[in-house]
C-alpha cells in the first residue's frame, strides 16, 4: 500500500536499497544527534525532498517531529499527508 511504502521511505537509510543508493530518509541517524531546531529542520527537509523524488503523488501537509518525553532517545513523528489524485487524506504516525 502507499502508506506502507511511505513508511519504508522514511525508515530506509540511504545506501540500504540495492540499485537506488540515494533512496531513503534515514531517520535513525537523527536519533543520535543533539535534537534541536536545526536537526528538526534538516529532518523535515530530508523527508520532503525524498517524498518529492520517490513518491511525488503524495503531498506532505504537516510534519511534526518531537523528542519523546518518556524516552529521550526516541523521536515521535506525525506526518499529515494527502494523495490529491485519489482524494485521500491520512496520517503516518510512529515512534523510533
C-alpha atoms as a PDB file:
ATOM      1  CA  UNK A   1       0.000   0.000   0.000  1.00  0.00           C
ATOM      2  CA  UNK A   2       1.003   3.627  -0.370  1.00  0.00           C
ATOM      3  CA  UNK A   3       1.119   4.180   3.390  1.00  0.00           C
ATOM      4  CA  UNK A   4       3.478   1.236   3.910  1.00  0.00           C
ATOM      5  CA  UNK A   5       5.736   2.403   1.065  1.00  0.00           C
ATOM      6  CA  UNK A   6       5.774   5.882   2.577  1.00  0.00           C
ATOM      7  CA  UNK A   7       6.808   4.484   5.959  1.00  0.00           C
ATOM      8  CA  UNK A   8       9.564   2.428   4.344  1.00  0.00           C
ATOM      9  CA  UNK A   9      10.885   5.557   2.590  1.00  0.00           C
ATOM     10  CA  UNK A  10      11.159   7.274   5.988  1.00  0.00           C
ATOM     11  CA  UNK A  11      12.782   4.301   7.751  1.00  0.00           C
ATOM     12  CA  UNK A  12      15.210   3.274   4.987  1.00  0.00           C
ATOM     13  CA  UNK A  13      18.737   4.684   5.188  1.00  0.00           C
ATOM     14  CA  UNK A  14      20.455   5.957   2.029  1.00  0.00           C
ATOM     15  CA  UNK A  15      22.594   3.160   0.592  1.00  0.00           C
ATOM     16  CA  UNK A  16      20.405   0.440   2.083  1.00  0.00           C
ATOM     17  CA  UNK A  17      18.328  -0.172  -1.044  1.00  0.00           C
ATOM     18  CA  UNK A  18      20.054  -2.060  -3.855  1.00  0.00           C
ATOM     19  CA  UNK A  19      20.307  -0.152  -7.163  1.00  0.00           C
ATOM     20  CA  UNK A  20      18.827   3.032  -5.623  1.00  0.00           C
ATOM     21  CA  UNK A  21      21.646   4.363  -3.397  1.00  0.00           C
ATOM     22  CA  UNK A  22      20.033   7.732  -2.609  1.00  0.00           C
ATOM     23  CA  UNK A  23      16.641   6.264  -1.599  1.00  0.00           C
ATOM     24  CA  UNK A  24      15.567   6.835   1.987  1.00  0.00           C
ATOM     25  CA  UNK A  25      15.431   9.455   4.690  1.00  0.00           C
ATOM     26  CA  UNK A  26      17.478   7.545   7.258  1.00  0.00           C
ATOM     27  CA  UNK A  27      15.547   8.834  10.252  1.00  0.00           C
ATOM     28  CA  UNK A  28      17.554   6.629  12.629  1.00  0.00           C
ATOM     29  CA  UNK A  29      20.649   8.789  12.204  1.00  0.00           C
ATOM     30  CA  UNK A  30      18.752  11.718  13.726  1.00  0.00           C
ATOM     31  CA  UNK A  31      18.296   9.752  16.967  1.00  0.00           C
ATOM     32  CA  UNK A  32      21.916  10.265  17.936  1.00  0.00           C
ATOM     33  CA  UNK A  33      22.182  13.948  17.114  1.00  0.00           C
ATOM     34  CA  UNK A  34      21.525  16.771  19.519  1.00  0.00           C
ATOM     35  CA  UNK A  35      17.908  17.216  18.515  1.00  0.00           C
ATOM     36  CA  UNK A  36      17.323  20.955  18.253  1.00  0.00           C
ATOM     37  CA  UNK A  37      15.557  23.202  15.749  1.00  0.00           C
ATOM     38  CA  UNK A  38      18.407  22.756  13.252  1.00  0.00           C
ATOM     39  CA  UNK A  39      18.192  18.968  13.366  1.00  0.00           C
ATOM     40  CA  UNK A  40      14.398  19.139  13.199  1.00  0.00           C
ATOM     41  CA  UNK A  41      14.557  21.393  10.132  1.00  0.00           C
ATOM     42  CA  UNK A  42      17.118  19.085   8.469  1.00  0.00           C
ATOM     43  CA  UNK A  43      14.918  16.037   9.085  1.00  0.00           C
ATOM     44  CA  UNK A  44      11.806  17.755   7.763  1.00  0.00           C
ATOM     45  CA  UNK A  45      13.694  18.957   4.693  1.00  0.00           C
ATOM     46  CA  UNK A  46      15.022  15.448   4.026  1.00  0.00           C
ATOM     47  CA  UNK A  47      11.537  13.919   4.301  1.00  0.00           C
ATOM     48  CA  UNK A  48      10.029  16.475   1.905  1.00  0.00           C
ATOM     49  CA  UNK A  49      12.927  16.040  -0.538  1.00  0.00           C
ATOM     50  CA  UNK A  50      12.641  12.238  -0.576  1.00  0.00           C
ATOM     51  CA  UNK A  51       8.855  12.336  -0.980  1.00  0.00           C
ATOM     52  CA  UNK A  52       9.134  14.711  -3.942  1.00  0.00           C
ATOM     53  CA  UNK A  53      11.649  12.402  -5.644  1.00  0.00           C
ATOM     54  CA  UNK A  54      10.339   8.905  -4.871  1.00  0.00           C
ATOM     55  CA  UNK A  55       6.643   9.403  -4.063  1.00  0.00           C
ATOM     56  CA  UNK A  56       5.549  12.520  -5.983  1.00  0.00           C
ATOM     57  CA  UNK A  57       1.884  11.516  -5.763  1.00  0.00           C
ATOM     58  CA  UNK A  58       1.986  12.355  -2.026  1.00  0.00           C
ATOM     59  CA  UNK A  59       1.639  15.895  -0.697  1.00  0.00           C
ATOM     60  CA  UNK A  60       3.014  16.450   2.804  1.00  0.00           C
ATOM     61  CA  UNK A  61       0.582  18.812   4.535  1.00  0.00           C
ATOM     62  CA  UNK A  62       2.138  18.948   8.003  1.00  0.00           C
ATOM     63  CA  UNK A  63       5.085  17.321   9.693  1.00  0.00           C
ATOM     64  CA  UNK A  64       5.554  17.155  13.453  1.00  0.00           C
ATOM     65  CA  UNK A  65       8.730  15.685  14.959  1.00  0.00           C
ATOM     66  CA  UNK A  66       9.325  15.783  18.710  1.00  0.00           C
ATOM     67  CA  UNK A  67      11.555  14.042  21.178  1.00  0.00           C
ATOM     68  CA  UNK A  68       9.720  11.598  23.375  1.00  0.00           C
ATOM     69  CA  UNK A  69       9.281  12.932  26.912  1.00  0.00           C
ATOM     70  CA  UNK A  70       9.389   9.450  28.419  1.00  0.00           C
ATOM     71  CA  UNK A  71      12.259   8.157  26.255  1.00  0.00           C
ATOM     72  CA  UNK A  72      14.778  10.903  25.374  1.00  0.00           C
ATOM     73  CA  UNK A  73      16.413   8.698  22.724  1.00  0.00           C
ATOM     74  CA  UNK A  74      13.157   8.380  20.765  1.00  0.00           C
ATOM     75  CA  UNK A  75      11.522  10.591  18.167  1.00  0.00           C
ATOM     76  CA  UNK A  76       7.766  10.874  17.789  1.00  0.00           C
ATOM     77  CA  UNK A  77       6.826  11.570  14.188  1.00  0.00           C
ATOM     78  CA  UNK A  78       3.443  12.532  12.788  1.00  0.00           C
ATOM     79  CA  UNK A  79       3.110  13.230   9.081  1.00  0.00           C
ATOM     80  CA  UNK A  80      -0.193  14.511   7.749  1.00  0.00           C
ATOM     81  CA  UNK A  81      -0.343  13.853   4.036  1.00  0.00           C
ATOM     82  CA  UNK A  82      -2.738  13.682   1.149  1.00  0.00           C
ATOM     83  CA  UNK A  83      -2.916  11.978  -2.218  1.00  0.00           C
ATOM     84  CA  UNK A  84      -4.747  14.552  -4.361  1.00  0.00           C
ATOM     85  CA  UNK A  85      -5.237  12.221  -7.347  1.00  0.00           C
ATOM     86  CA  UNK A  86      -7.171   9.789  -5.149  1.00  0.00           C
ATOM     87  CA  UNK A  87      -8.823  12.307  -2.826  1.00  0.00           C
ATOM     88  CA  UNK A  88      -7.215  10.683   0.216  1.00  0.00           C
ATOM     89  CA  UNK A  89      -6.047  12.388   3.406  1.00  0.00           C
ATOM     90  CA  UNK A  90      -4.265  10.375   6.066  1.00  0.00           C
ATOM     91  CA  UNK A  91      -1.536  10.485   8.653  1.00  0.00           C
ATOM     92  CA  UNK A  92       1.525   8.405   9.317  1.00  0.00           C
ATOM     93  CA  UNK A  93       2.489   8.231  12.976  1.00  0.00           C
ATOM     94  CA  UNK A  94       5.316   6.314  14.596  1.00  0.00           C
ATOM     95  CA  UNK A  95       7.990   6.448  17.285  1.00  0.00           C
ATOM     96  CA  UNK A  96      11.516   5.387  16.618  1.00  0.00           C
END
